[in-house]
Amino acid sequence: QPYTVEFTIHSNFMGLAIGSRGKNINDARRIPGIIVLNLNEDLCSFKIVGETKEAVEKARNKLEYGELVVDVDRDIAPRVIGKKGYVIQGIVDKSGCIRVRLDNPPDVEGNDQEPKIT
């Protein structure tokens, strides 16, 4: 009995999921045990059918991206980034995250708020 999973991702992550020249989606299709991997770009959804749950989960892990937003107090933001960016690069390397963005959004009155790292 084949194992099937369907999931959607945010449209901001479709490019990452598909990969440059379709590399990620093609790699996921080549995982042993994957029978079908369909993509609906309009709905940002994937349907994966495989011989085993493990094969399907491995393919899903290659395609599914999410976002984590962390509020950082303005006083410690330089320490989180580190000299020449070494601390934040260490966090990226150890966490496996793809992208880090430092925001300093304005509040309702137009004043800068605490920096956010996403």
PDB file of N, CA and C in Angstrom:
ATOM      1  N   GLN A   1       0.856  -1.191   0.000  1.00  0.00           N
ATOM      2  CA  GLN A   1       0.000   0.000   0.000  1.00  0.00           C
ATOM      3  C   GLN A   1       0.896   1.246   0.000  1.00  0.00           C
ATOM      4  N   PRO A   2       0.791   2.105  -1.021  1.00  0.00           N
ATOM      5  CA  PRO A   2       1.610   3.325  -1.072  1.00  0.00           C
ATOM      6  C   PRO A   2       1.250   4.299   0.055  1.00  0.00           C
ATOM      7  N   TYR A   3       2.224   5.092   0.424  1.00  0.00           N
ATOM      8  CA  TYR A   3       2.048   6.121   1.445  1.00  0.00           C
ATOM      9  C   TYR A   3       1.977   7.462   0.722  1.00  0.00           C
ATOM     10  N   THR A   4       0.990   8.296   1.085  1.00  0.00           N
ATOM     11  CA  THR A   4       0.771   9.582   0.413  1.00  0.00           C
ATOM     12  C   THR A   4       0.751  10.713   1.430  1.00  0.00           C
ATOM     13  N   VAL A   5       1.351  11.837   1.060  1.00  0.00           N
ATOM     14  CA  VAL A   5       1.267  13.042   1.885  1.00  0.00           C
ATOM     15  C   VAL A   5       1.065  14.241   0.953  1.00  0.00           C
ATOM     16  N   GLU A   6       0.226  15.165   1.401  1.00  0.00           N
ATOM     17  CA  GLU A   6       0.013  16.419   0.686  1.00  0.00           C
ATOM     18  C   GLU A   6       0.275  17.555   1.656  1.00  0.00           C
ATOM     19  N   PHE A   7       0.952  18.609   1.184  1.00  0.00           N
ATOM     20  CA  PHE A   7       1.240  19.756   2.044  1.00  0.00           C
ATOM     21  C   PHE A   7       1.403  21.001   1.189  1.00  0.00           C
ATOM     22  N   THR A   8       1.228  22.142   1.832  1.00  0.00           N
ATOM     23  CA  THR A   8       1.426  23.424   1.156  1.00  0.00           C
ATOM     24  C   THR A   8       2.523  24.188   1.885  1.00  0.00           C
ATOM     25  N   ILE A   9       3.155  25.083   1.147  1.00  0.00           N
ATOM     26  CA  ILE A   9       4.151  25.968   1.734  1.00  0.00           C
ATOM     27  C   ILE A   9       3.791  27.397   1.344  1.00  0.00           C
ATOM     28  N   HIS A  10       4.352  28.346   2.040  1.00  0.00           N
ATOM     29  CA  HIS A  10       4.112  29.755   1.719  1.00  0.00           C
ATOM     30  C   HIS A  10       4.728  30.061   0.359  1.00  0.00           C
ATOM     31  N   SER A  11       4.061  30.901  -0.397  1.00  0.00           N
ATOM     32  CA  SER A  11       4.533  31.230  -1.751  1.00  0.00           C
ATOM     33  C   SER A  11       5.946  31.813  -1.753  1.00  0.00           C
ATOM     34  N   ASN A  12       6.350  32.457  -0.640  1.00  0.00           N
ATOM     35  CA  ASN A  12       7.710  33.009  -0.551  1.00  0.00           C
ATOM     36  C   ASN A  12       8.783  31.927  -0.646  1.00  0.00           C
ATOM     37  N   PHE A  13       8.409  30.684  -0.346  1.00  0.00           N
ATOM     38  CA  PHE A  13       9.400  29.605  -0.299  1.00  0.00           C
ATOM     39  C   PHE A  13       9.363  28.686  -1.515  1.00  0.00           C
ATOM     40  N   MET A  14       8.510  28.980  -2.475  1.00  0.00           N
ATOM     41  CA  MET A  14       8.408  28.103  -3.648  1.00  0.00           C
ATOM     42  C   MET A  14       9.734  28.018  -4.414  1.00  0.00           C
ATOM     43  N   GLY A  15      10.401  29.145  -4.567  1.00  0.00           N
ATOM     44  CA  GLY A  15      11.684  29.131  -5.264  1.00  0.00           C
ATOM     45  C   GLY A  15      12.707  28.262  -4.566  1.00  0.00           C
ATOM     46  N   LEU A  16      12.740  28.338  -3.239  1.00  0.00           N
ATOM     47  CA  LEU A  16      13.656  27.496  -2.472  1.00  0.00           C
ATOM     48  C   LEU A  16      13.290  26.026  -2.622  1.00  0.00           C
ATOM     49  N   ALA A  17      12.001  25.718  -2.558  1.00  0.00           N
ATOM     50  CA  ALA A  17      11.557  24.330  -2.642  1.00  0.00           C
ATOM     51  C   ALA A  17      11.899  23.719  -3.997  1.00  0.00           C
ATOM     52  N   ILE A  18      11.635  24.456  -5.055  1.00  0.00           N
ATOM     53  CA  ILE A  18      11.913  23.937  -6.387  1.00  0.00           C
ATOM     54  C   ILE A  18      13.418  23.883  -6.627  1.00  0.00           C
ATOM     55  N   GLY A  19      14.123  24.908  -6.195  1.00  0.00           N
ATOM     56  CA  GLY A  19      15.573  24.936  -6.344  1.00  0.00           C
ATOM     57  C   GLY A  19      15.999  25.492  -7.690  1.00  0.00           C
ATOM     58  N   SER A  20      17.250  25.852  -7.758  1.00  0.00           N
ATOM     59  CA  SER A  20      17.812  26.383  -8.986  1.00  0.00           C
ATOM     60  C   SER A  20      17.721  25.324 -10.086  1.00  0.00           C
ATOM     61  N   ARG A  21      17.074  25.690 -11.182  1.00  0.00           N
ATOM     62  CA  ARG A  21      16.862  24.786 -12.320  1.00  0.00           C
ATOM     63  C   ARG A  21      16.132  23.500 -11.920  1.00  0.00           C
ATOM     64  N   GLY A  22      15.314  23.583 -10.864  1.00  0.00           N
ATOM     65  CA  GLY A  22      14.527  22.430 -10.435  1.00  0.00           C
ATOM     66  C   GLY A  22      15.302  21.379  -9.672  1.00  0.00           C
ATOM     67  N   LYS A  23      16.498  21.749  -9.186  1.00  0.00           N
ATOM     68  CA  LYS A  23      17.364  20.759  -8.521  1.00  0.00           C
ATOM     69  C   LYS A  23      16.697  20.078  -7.331  1.00  0.00           C
ATOM     70  N   ASN A  24      16.100  20.845  -6.424  1.00  0.00           N
ATOM     71  CA  ASN A  24      15.530  20.233  -5.214  1.00  0.00           C
ATOM     72  C   ASN A  24      14.371  19.294  -5.532  1.00  0.00           C
ATOM     73  N   ILE A  25      13.476  19.739  -6.388  1.00  0.00           N
ATOM     74  CA  ILE A  25      12.326  18.889  -6.709  1.00  0.00           C
ATOM     75  C   ILE A  25      12.764  17.645  -7.479  1.00  0.00           C
ATOM     76  N   ASN A  26      13.744  17.789  -8.359  1.00  0.00           N
ATOM     77  CA  ASN A  26      14.252  16.624  -9.089  1.00  0.00           C
ATOM     78  C   ASN A  26      14.980  15.657  -8.159  1.00  0.00           C
ATOM     79  N   ASP A  27      15.750  16.202  -7.213  1.00  0.00           N
ATOM     80  CA  ASP A  27      16.412  15.332  -6.228  1.00  0.00           C
ATOM     81  C   ASP A  27      15.379  14.566  -5.412  1.00  0.00           C
ATOM     82  N   ALA A  28      14.292  15.249  -5.032  1.00  0.00           N
ATOM     83  CA  ALA A  28      13.238  14.594  -4.256  1.00  0.00           C
ATOM     84  C   ALA A  28      12.570  13.491  -5.081  1.00  0.00           C
ATOM     85  N   ARG A  29      12.382  13.726  -6.349  1.00  0.00           N
ATOM     86  CA  ARG A  29      11.768  12.706  -7.225  1.00  0.00           C
ATOM     87  C   ARG A  29      12.665  11.485  -7.388  1.00  0.00           C
ATOM     88  N   ARG A  30      13.969  11.675  -7.261  1.00  0.00           N
ATOM     89  CA  ARG A  30      14.926  10.574  -7.448  1.00  0.00           C
ATOM     90  C   ARG A  30      15.153   9.737  -6.183  1.00  0.00           C
ATOM     91  N   ILE A  31      14.559  10.133  -5.077  1.00  0.00           N
ATOM     92  CA  ILE A  31      14.732   9.367  -3.837  1.00  0.00           C
ATOM     93  C   ILE A  31      14.137   7.977  -4.054  1.00  0.00           C
ATOM     94  N   PRO A  32      14.914   6.944  -3.742  1.00  0.00           N
ATOM     95  CA  PRO A  32      14.396   5.585  -3.915  1.00  0.00           C
ATOM     96  C   PRO A  32      13.090   5.392  -3.135  1.00  0.00           C
ATOM     97  N   GLY A  33      12.098   4.835  -3.819  1.00  0.00           N
ATOM     98  CA  GLY A  33      10.808   4.599  -3.188  1.00  0.00           C
ATOM     99  C   GLY A  33       9.758   5.644  -3.518  1.00  0.00           C
ATOM    100  N   ILE A  34      10.154   6.748  -4.146  1.00  0.00           N
ATOM    101  CA  ILE A  34       9.174   7.771  -4.539  1.00  0.00           C
ATOM    102  C   ILE A  34       8.519   7.330  -5.841  1.00  0.00           C
ATOM    103  N   ILE A  35       7.199   7.275  -5.825  1.00  0.00           N
ATOM    104  CA  ILE A  35       6.435   6.857  -6.996  1.00  0.00           C
ATOM    105  C   ILE A  35       5.988   8.073  -7.800  1.00  0.00           C
ATOM    106  N   VAL A  36       5.394   9.065  -7.116  1.00  0.00           N
ATOM    107  CA  VAL A  36       4.881  10.274  -7.768  1.00  0.00           C
ATOM    108  C   VAL A  36       5.182  11.473  -6.883  1.00  0.00           C
ATOM    109  N   LEU A  37       5.612  12.554  -7.510  1.00  0.00           N
ATOM    110  CA  LEU A  37       5.762  13.823  -6.800  1.00  0.00           C
ATOM    111  C   LEU A  37       5.167  14.889  -7.701  1.00  0.00           C
ATOM    112  N   ASN A  38       4.001  15.390  -7.314  1.00  0.00           N
ATOM    113  CA  ASN A  38       3.314  16.425  -8.101  1.00  0.00           C
ATOM    114  C   ASN A  38       3.392  17.761  -7.381  1.00  0.00           C
ATOM    115  N   LEU A  39       3.530  18.804  -8.188  1.00  0.00           N
ATOM    116  CA  LEU A  39       3.595  20.170  -7.684  1.00  0.00           C
ATOM    117  C   LEU A  39       2.469  20.975  -8.318  1.00  0.00           C
ATOM    118  N   ASN A  40       1.718  21.701  -7.498  1.00  0.00           N
ATOM    119  CA  ASN A  40       0.727  22.648  -7.998  1.00  0.00           C
ATOM    120  C   ASN A  40       1.245  24.039  -7.626  1.00  0.00           C
ATOM    121  N   GLU A  41       1.875  24.700  -8.589  1.00  0.00           N
ATOM    122  CA  GLU A  41       2.492  26.001  -8.312  1.00  0.00           C
ATOM    123  C   GLU A  41       1.469  27.063  -7.941  1.00  0.00           C
ATOM    124  N   ASP A  42       0.277  27.008  -8.516  1.00  0.00           N
ATOM    125  CA  ASP A  42      -0.753  27.998  -8.204  1.00  0.00           C
ATOM    126  C   ASP A  42      -1.179  27.930  -6.742  1.00  0.00           C
ATOM    127  N   LEU A  43      -1.259  26.720  -6.199  1.00  0.00           N
ATOM    128  CA  LEU A  43      -1.680  26.527  -4.804  1.00  0.00           C
ATOM    129  C   LEU A  43      -0.498  26.369  -3.839  1.00  0.00           C
ATOM    130  N   CYS A  44       0.728  26.364  -4.390  1.00  0.00           N
ATOM    131  CA  CYS A  44       1.945  26.149  -3.584  1.00  0.00           C
ATOM    132  C   CYS A  44       1.836  24.842  -2.798  1.00  0.00           C
ATOM    133  N   SER A  45       1.363  23.810  -3.472  1.00  0.00           N
ATOM    134  CA  SER A  45       1.166  22.537  -2.781  1.00  0.00           C
ATOM    135  C   SER A  45       1.904  21.406  -3.484  1.00  0.00           C
ATOM    136  N   PHE A  46       2.213  20.394  -2.702  1.00  0.00           N
ATOM    137  CA  PHE A  46       2.896  19.208  -3.188  1.00  0.00           C
ATOM    138  C   PHE A  46       2.085  17.973  -2.811  1.00  0.00           C
ATOM    139  N   LYS A  47       2.116  16.975  -3.666  1.00  0.00           N
ATOM    140  CA  LYS A  47       1.557  15.657  -3.344  1.00  0.00           C
ATOM    141  C   LYS A  47       2.656  14.650  -3.641  1.00  0.00           C
ATOM    142  N   ILE A  48       3.008  13.882  -2.615  1.00  0.00           N
ATOM    143  CA  ILE A  48       4.079  12.894  -2.756  1.00  0.00           C
ATOM    144  C   ILE A  48       3.499  11.522  -2.444  1.00  0.00           C
ATOM    145  N   VAL A  49       3.736  10.577  -3.344  1.00  0.00           N
ATOM    146  CA  VAL A  49       3.329   9.190  -3.147  1.00  0.00           C
ATOM    147  C   VAL A  49       4.594   8.342  -3.199  1.00  0.00           C
ATOM    148  N   GLY A  50       4.746   7.490  -2.204  1.00  0.00           N
ATOM    149  CA  GLY A  50       5.932   6.648  -2.159  1.00  0.00           C
ATOM    150  C   GLY A  50       5.621   5.265  -1.644  1.00  0.00           C
ATOM    151  N   GLU A  51       6.608   4.390  -1.799  1.00  0.00           N
ATOM    152  CA  GLU A  51       6.457   3.009  -1.336  1.00  0.00           C
ATOM    153  C   GLU A  51       6.488   2.920   0.176  1.00  0.00           C
ATOM    154  N   THR A  52       7.212   3.853   0.828  1.00  0.00           N
ATOM    155  CA  THR A  52       7.322   3.830   2.288  1.00  0.00           C
ATOM    156  C   THR A  52       7.137   5.225   2.853  1.00  0.00           C
ATOM    157  N   LYS A  53       6.757   5.280   4.117  1.00  0.00           N
ATOM    158  CA  LYS A  53       6.627   6.559   4.819  1.00  0.00           C
ATOM    159  C   LYS A  53       7.983   7.264   4.867  1.00  0.00           C
ATOM    160  N   GLU A  54       9.050   6.493   5.081  1.00  0.00           N
ATOM    161  CA  GLU A  54      10.393   7.070   5.188  1.00  0.00           C
ATOM    162  C   GLU A  54      10.800   7.777   3.906  1.00  0.00           C
ATOM    163  N   ALA A  55      10.539   7.159   2.749  1.00  0.00           N
ATOM    164  CA  ALA A  55      10.893   7.776   1.464  1.00  0.00           C
ATOM    165  C   ALA A  55      10.110   9.069   1.264  1.00  0.00           C
ATOM    166  N   VAL A  56       8.816   9.041   1.591  1.00  0.00           N
ATOM    167  CA  VAL A  56       7.968  10.216   1.423  1.00  0.00           C
ATOM    168  C   VAL A  56       8.418  11.343   2.353  1.00  0.00           C
ATOM    169  N   GLU A  57       8.740  11.008   3.597  1.00  0.00           N
ATOM    170  CA  GLU A  57       9.201  12.029   4.546  1.00  0.00           C
ATOM    171  C   GLU A  57      10.542  12.621   4.122  1.00  0.00           C
ATOM    172  N   LYS A  58      11.408  11.804   3.566  1.00  0.00           N
ATOM    173  CA  LYS A  58      12.704  12.297   3.080  1.00  0.00           C
ATOM    174  C   LYS A  58      12.496  13.293   1.936  1.00  0.00           C
ATOM    175  N   ALA A  59      11.583  12.986   1.036  1.00  0.00           N
ATOM    176  CA  ALA A  59      11.274  13.905  -0.069  1.00  0.00           C
ATOM    177  C   ALA A  59      10.637  15.187   0.465  1.00  0.00           C
ATOM    178  N   ARG A  60       9.727  15.028   1.423  1.00  0.00           N
ATOM    179  CA  ARG A  60       9.068  16.209   1.993  1.00  0.00           C
ATOM    180  C   ARG A  60      10.088  17.126   2.660  1.00  0.00           C
ATOM    181  N   ASN A  61      11.045  16.544   3.365  1.00  0.00           N
ATOM    182  CA  ASN A  61      12.066  17.342   4.046  1.00  0.00           C
ATOM    183  C   ASN A  61      12.917  18.147   3.071  1.00  0.00           C
ATOM    184  N   LYS A  62      13.049  17.684   1.842  1.00  0.00           N
ATOM    185  CA  LYS A  62      13.802  18.435   0.834  1.00  0.00           C
ATOM    186  C   LYS A  62      13.006  19.628   0.293  1.00  0.00           C
ATOM    187  N   LEU A  63      11.684  19.578   0.428  1.00  0.00           N
ATOM    188  CA  LEU A  63      10.834  20.563  -0.219  1.00  0.00           C
ATOM    189  C   LEU A  63      10.139  21.534   0.719  1.00  0.00           C
ATOM    190  N   GLU A  64      10.001  21.176   1.972  1.00  0.00           N
ATOM    191  CA  GLU A  64       9.200  21.975   2.890  1.00  0.00           C
ATOM    192  C   GLU A  64      10.074  22.987   3.629  1.00  0.00           C
ATOM    193  N   TYR A  65       9.703  24.255   3.508  1.00  0.00           N
ATOM    194  CA  TYR A  65      10.418  25.336   4.163  1.00  0.00           C
ATOM    195  C   TYR A  65       9.444  26.118   5.022  1.00  0.00           C
ATOM    196  N   GLY A  66       9.953  26.706   6.085  1.00  0.00           N
ATOM    197  CA  GLY A  66       9.143  27.530   6.961  1.00  0.00           C
ATOM    198  C   GLY A  66       9.967  28.716   7.432  1.00  0.00           C
ATOM    199  N   GLU A  67       9.359  29.515   8.287  1.00  0.00           N
ATOM    200  CA  GLU A  67      10.029  30.719   8.765  1.00  0.00           C
ATOM    201  C   GLU A  67       9.889  30.810  10.275  1.00  0.00           C
ATOM    202  N   LEU A  68      10.954  31.216  10.917  1.00  0.00           N
ATOM    203  CA  LEU A  68      10.954  31.447  12.359  1.00  0.00           C
ATOM    204  C   LEU A  68      11.399  32.881  12.588  1.00  0.00           C
ATOM    205  N   VAL A  69      10.596  33.645  13.309  1.00  0.00           N
ATOM    206  CA  VAL A  69      10.929  35.037  13.620  1.00  0.00           C
ATOM    207  C   VAL A  69      11.305  35.108  15.091  1.00  0.00           C
ATOM    208  N   VAL A  70      12.455  35.691  15.360  1.00  0.00           N
ATOM    209  CA  VAL A  70      12.951  35.827  16.725  1.00  0.00           C
ATOM    210  C   VAL A  70      13.160  37.302  17.027  1.00  0.00           C
ATOM    211  N   ASP A  71      12.478  37.806  18.051  1.00  0.00           N
ATOM    212  CA  ASP A  71      12.691  39.185  18.470  1.00  0.00           C
ATOM    213  C   ASP A  71      13.963  39.250  19.302  1.00  0.00           C
ATOM    214  N   VAL A  72      14.822  40.188  18.960  1.00  0.00           N
ATOM    215  CA  VAL A  72      16.101  40.343  19.650  1.00  0.00           C
ATOM    216  C   VAL A  72      16.174  41.756  20.210  1.00  0.00           C
ATOM    217  N   ASP A  73      16.483  41.873  21.474  1.00  0.00           N
ATOM    218  CA  ASP A  73      16.624  43.176  22.110  1.00  0.00           C
ATOM    219  C   ASP A  73      17.721  43.969  21.407  1.00  0.00           C
ATOM    220  N   ARG A  74      17.443  45.229  21.164  1.00  0.00           N
ATOM    221  CA  ARG A  74      18.388  46.092  20.451  1.00  0.00           C
ATOM    222  C   ARG A  74      19.781  46.079  21.085  1.00  0.00           C
ATOM    223  N   ASP A  75      19.840  45.971  22.411  1.00  0.00           N
ATOM    224  CA  ASP A  75      21.130  46.004  23.102  1.00  0.00           C
ATOM    225  C   ASP A  75      21.994  44.775  22.831  1.00  0.00           C
ATOM    226  N   ILE A  76      21.357  43.631  22.549  1.00  0.00           N
ATOM    227  CA  ILE A  76      22.174  42.429  22.328  1.00  0.00           C
ATOM    228  C   ILE A  76      22.294  42.037  20.856  1.00  0.00           C
ATOM    229  N   ALA A  77      21.598  42.761  19.972  1.00  0.00           N
ATOM    230  CA  ALA A  77      21.660  42.441  18.544  1.00  0.00           C
ATOM    231  C   ALA A  77      23.104  42.383  18.022  1.00  0.00           C
ATOM    232  N   PRO A  78      23.988  43.334  18.384  1.00  0.00           N
ATOM    233  CA  PRO A  78      25.371  43.232  17.897  1.00  0.00           C
ATOM    234  C   PRO A  78      26.075  41.956  18.361  1.00  0.00           C
ATOM    235  N   ARG A  79      25.754  41.476  19.562  1.00  0.00           N
ATOM    236  CA  ARG A  79      26.370  40.232  20.046  1.00  0.00           C
ATOM    237  C   ARG A  79      25.815  39.018  19.317  1.00  0.00           C
ATOM    238  N   VAL A  80      24.551  39.080  18.924  1.00  0.00           N
ATOM    239  CA  VAL A  80      23.965  37.971  18.167  1.00  0.00           C
ATOM    240  C   VAL A  80      24.599  37.893  16.778  1.00  0.00           C
ATOM    241  N   ILE A  81      24.855  39.040  16.191  1.00  0.00           N
ATOM    242  CA  ILE A  81      25.496  39.076  14.874  1.00  0.00           C
ATOM    243  C   ILE A  81      26.977  38.730  14.996  1.00  0.00           C
ATOM    244  N   GLY A  82      27.637  39.290  15.988  1.00  0.00           N
ATOM    245  CA  GLY A  82      29.046  38.999  16.208  1.00  0.00           C
ATOM    246  C   GLY A  82      29.966  39.803  15.315  1.00  0.00           C
ATOM    247  N   LYS A  83      31.235  39.839  15.711  1.00  0.00           N
ATOM    248  CA  LYS A  83      32.243  40.563  14.946  1.00  0.00           C
ATOM    249  C   LYS A  83      32.391  39.917  13.571  1.00  0.00           C
ATOM    250  N   LYS A  84      32.267  40.725  12.534  1.00  0.00           N
ATOM    251  CA  LYS A  84      32.329  40.282  11.142  1.00  0.00           C
ATOM    252  C   LYS A  84      31.281  39.222  10.818  1.00  0.00           C
ATOM    253  N   GLY A  85      30.203  39.149  11.633  1.00  0.00           N
ATOM    254  CA  GLY A  85      29.117  38.222  11.365  1.00  0.00           C
ATOM    255  C   GLY A  85      29.385  36.777  11.746  1.00  0.00           C
ATOM    256  N   TYR A  86      30.459  36.539  12.520  1.00  0.00           N
ATOM    257  CA  TYR A  86      30.832  35.159  12.845  1.00  0.00           C
ATOM    258  C   TYR A  86      29.795  34.439  13.702  1.00  0.00           C
ATOM    259  N   VAL A  87      29.197  35.121  14.658  1.00  0.00           N
ATOM    260  CA  VAL A  87      28.226  34.455  15.541  1.00  0.00           C
ATOM    261  C   VAL A  87      26.987  34.046  14.757  1.00  0.00           C
ATOM    262  N   ILE A  88      26.437  34.968  13.987  1.00  0.00           N
ATOM    263  CA  ILE A  88      25.230  34.642  13.225  1.00  0.00           C
ATOM    264  C   ILE A  88      25.533  33.573  12.182  1.00  0.00           C
ATOM    265  N   GLN A  89      26.726  33.590  11.607  1.00  0.00           N
ATOM    266  CA  GLN A  89      27.097  32.554  10.633  1.00  0.00           C
ATOM    267  C   GLN A  89      27.181  31.194  11.318  1.00  0.00           C
ATOM    268  N   GLY A  90      27.681  31.167  12.553  1.00  0.00           N
ATOM    269  CA  GLY A  90      27.708  29.909  13.316  1.00  0.00           C
ATOM    270  C   GLY A  90      26.312  29.385  13.576  1.00  0.00           C
ATOM    271  N   ILE A  91      25.389  30.290  13.872  1.00  0.00           N
ATOM    272  CA  ILE A  91      23.989  29.896  14.085  1.00  0.00           C
ATOM    273  C   ILE A  91      23.414  29.321  12.794  1.00  0.00           C
ATOM    274  N   VAL A  92      23.682  29.963  11.671  1.00  0.00           N
ATOM    275  CA  VAL A  92      23.211  29.479  10.373  1.00  0.00           C
ATOM    276  C   VAL A  92      23.778  28.094  10.099  1.00  0.00           C
ATOM    277  N   ASP A  93      25.073  27.923  10.298  1.00  0.00           N
ATOM    278  CA  ASP A  93      25.725  26.647  10.009  1.00  0.00           C
ATOM    279  C   ASP A  93      25.178  25.515  10.868  1.00  0.00           C
ATOM    280  N   LYS A  94      24.981  25.781  12.147  1.00  0.00           N
ATOM    281  CA  LYS A  94      24.528  24.723  13.063  1.00  0.00           C
ATOM    282  C   LYS A  94      23.039  24.433  12.943  1.00  0.00           C
ATOM    283  N   SER A  95      22.244  25.437  12.573  1.00  0.00           N
ATOM    284  CA  SER A  95      20.789  25.245  12.520  1.00  0.00           C
ATOM    285  C   SER A  95      20.318  24.705  11.179  1.00  0.00           C
ATOM    286  N   GLY A  96      21.125  24.910  10.146  1.00  0.00           N
ATOM    287  CA  GLY A  96      20.706  24.486   8.814  1.00  0.00           C
ATOM    288  C   GLY A  96      19.741  25.452   8.153  1.00  0.00           C
ATOM    289  N   CYS A  97      19.604  26.652   8.727  1.00  0.00           N
ATOM    290  CA  CYS A  97      18.688  27.607   8.109  1.00  0.00           C
ATOM    291  C   CYS A  97      19.265  28.078   6.782  1.00  0.00           C
ATOM    292  N   ILE A  98      18.398  28.529   5.938  1.00  0.00           N
ATOM    293  CA  ILE A  98      18.780  28.928   4.590  1.00  0.00           C
ATOM    294  C   ILE A  98      19.075  30.414   4.491  1.00  0.00           C
ATOM    295  N   ARG A  99      18.315  31.216   5.211  1.00  0.00           N
ATOM    296  CA  ARG A  99      18.408  32.656   5.065  1.00  0.00           C
ATOM    297  C   ARG A  99      18.203  33.329   6.424  1.00  0.00           C
ATOM    298  N   VAL A 100      18.970  34.372   6.684  1.00  0.00           N
ATOM    299  CA  VAL A 100      18.799  35.175   7.897  1.00  0.00           C
ATOM    300  C   VAL A 100      18.580  36.612   7.450  1.00  0.00           C
ATOM    301  N   ARG A 101      17.594  37.251   8.048  1.00  0.00           N
ATOM    302  CA  ARG A 101      17.300  38.640   7.706  1.00  0.00           C
ATOM    303  C   ARG A 101      17.144  39.424   8.999  1.00  0.00           C
ATOM    304  N   LEU A 102      17.782  40.565   9.074  1.00  0.00           N
ATOM    305  CA  LEU A 102      17.671  41.438  10.238  1.00  0.00           C
ATOM    306  C   LEU A 102      16.759  42.598   9.867  1.00  0.00           C
ATOM    307  N   ASP A 103      15.639  42.694  10.572  1.00  0.00           N
ATOM    308  CA  ASP A 103      14.675  43.769  10.337  1.00  0.00           C
ATOM    309  C   ASP A 103      14.683  44.718  11.518  1.00  0.00           C
ATOM    310  N   ASN A 104      14.336  45.943  11.245  1.00  0.00           N
ATOM    311  CA  ASN A 104      14.147  46.926  12.307  1.00  0.00           C
ATOM    312  C   ASN A 104      12.862  47.676  11.968  1.00  0.00           C
ATOM    313  N   PRO A 105      11.705  46.980  12.116  1.00  0.00           N
ATOM    314  CA  PRO A 105      10.451  47.567  11.634  1.00  0.00           C
ATOM    315  C   PRO A 105      10.004  48.760  12.468  1.00  0.00           C
ATOM    316  N   PRO A 106       9.370  49.747  11.822  1.00  0.00           N
ATOM    317  CA  PRO A 106       8.837  50.882  12.580  1.00  0.00           C
ATOM    318  C   PRO A 106       7.557  50.480  13.314  1.00  0.00           C
ATOM    319  N   ASP A 107       7.318  51.101  14.455  1.00  0.00           N
ATOM    320  CA  ASP A 107       6.067  50.841  15.178  1.00  0.00           C
ATOM    321  C   ASP A 107       4.967  51.722  14.587  1.00  0.00           C
ATOM    322  N   VAL A 108       3.811  51.737  15.222  1.00  0.00           N
ATOM    323  CA  VAL A 108       2.668  52.471  14.693  1.00  0.00           C
ATOM    324  C   VAL A 108       2.948  53.963  14.547  1.00  0.00           C
ATOM    325  N   GLU A 109       3.785  54.514  15.407  1.00  0.00           N
ATOM    326  CA  GLU A 109       4.079  55.944  15.343  1.00  0.00           C
ATOM    327  C   GLU A 109       5.271  56.256  14.438  1.00  0.00           C
ATOM    328  N   GLY A 110       5.822  55.241  13.772  1.00  0.00           N
ATOM    329  CA  GLY A 110       6.930  55.464  12.862  1.00  0.00           C
ATOM    330  C   GLY A 110       8.300  55.349  13.495  1.00  0.00           C
ATOM    331  N   ASN A 111       8.358  55.030  14.796  1.00  0.00           N
ATOM    332  CA  ASN A 111       9.645  54.860  15.461  1.00  0.00           C
ATOM    333  C   ASN A 111      10.154  53.436  15.246  1.00  0.00           C
ATOM    334  N   ASP A 112      11.471  53.273  15.229  1.00  0.00           N
ATOM    335  CA  ASP A 112      12.044  51.939  15.070  1.00  0.00           C
ATOM    336  C   ASP A 112      11.710  51.086  16.284  1.00  0.00           C
ATOM    337  N   GLN A 113      11.370  49.813  16.015  1.00  0.00           N
ATOM    338  CA  GLN A 113      11.132  48.855  17.081  1.00  0.00           C
ATOM    339  C   GLN A 113      12.380  48.039  17.304  1.00  0.00           C
ATOM    340  N   GLU A 114      12.255  47.041  18.172  1.00  0.00           N
ATOM    341  CA  GLU A 114      13.366  46.129  18.418  1.00  0.00           C
ATOM    342  C   GLU A 114      13.703  45.385  17.133  1.00  0.00           C
ATOM    343  N   PRO A 115      14.986  45.103  16.877  1.00  0.00           N
ATOM    344  CA  PRO A 115      15.351  44.335  15.688  1.00  0.00           C
ATOM    345  C   PRO A 115      14.736  42.947  15.739  1.00  0.00           C
ATOM    346  N   LYS A 116      14.389  42.400  14.572  1.00  0.00           N
ATOM    347  CA  LYS A 116      13.878  41.044  14.469  1.00  0.00           C
ATOM    348  C   LYS A 116      14.804  40.276  13.538  1.00  0.00           C
ATOM    349  N   ILE A 117      15.164  39.081  13.941  1.00  0.00           N
ATOM    350  CA  ILE A 117      15.966  38.220  13.088  1.00  0.00           C
ATOM    351  C   ILE A 117      15.041  37.126  12.588  1.00  0.00           C
ATOM    352  N   THR A 118      14.949  36.986  11.261  1.00  0.00           N
ATOM    353  CA  THR A 118      14.084  35.946  10.689  1.00  0.00           C
ATOM    354  C   THR A 118      14.886  35.032   9.802  1.00  0.00           C
TER     355      THR A 118
END
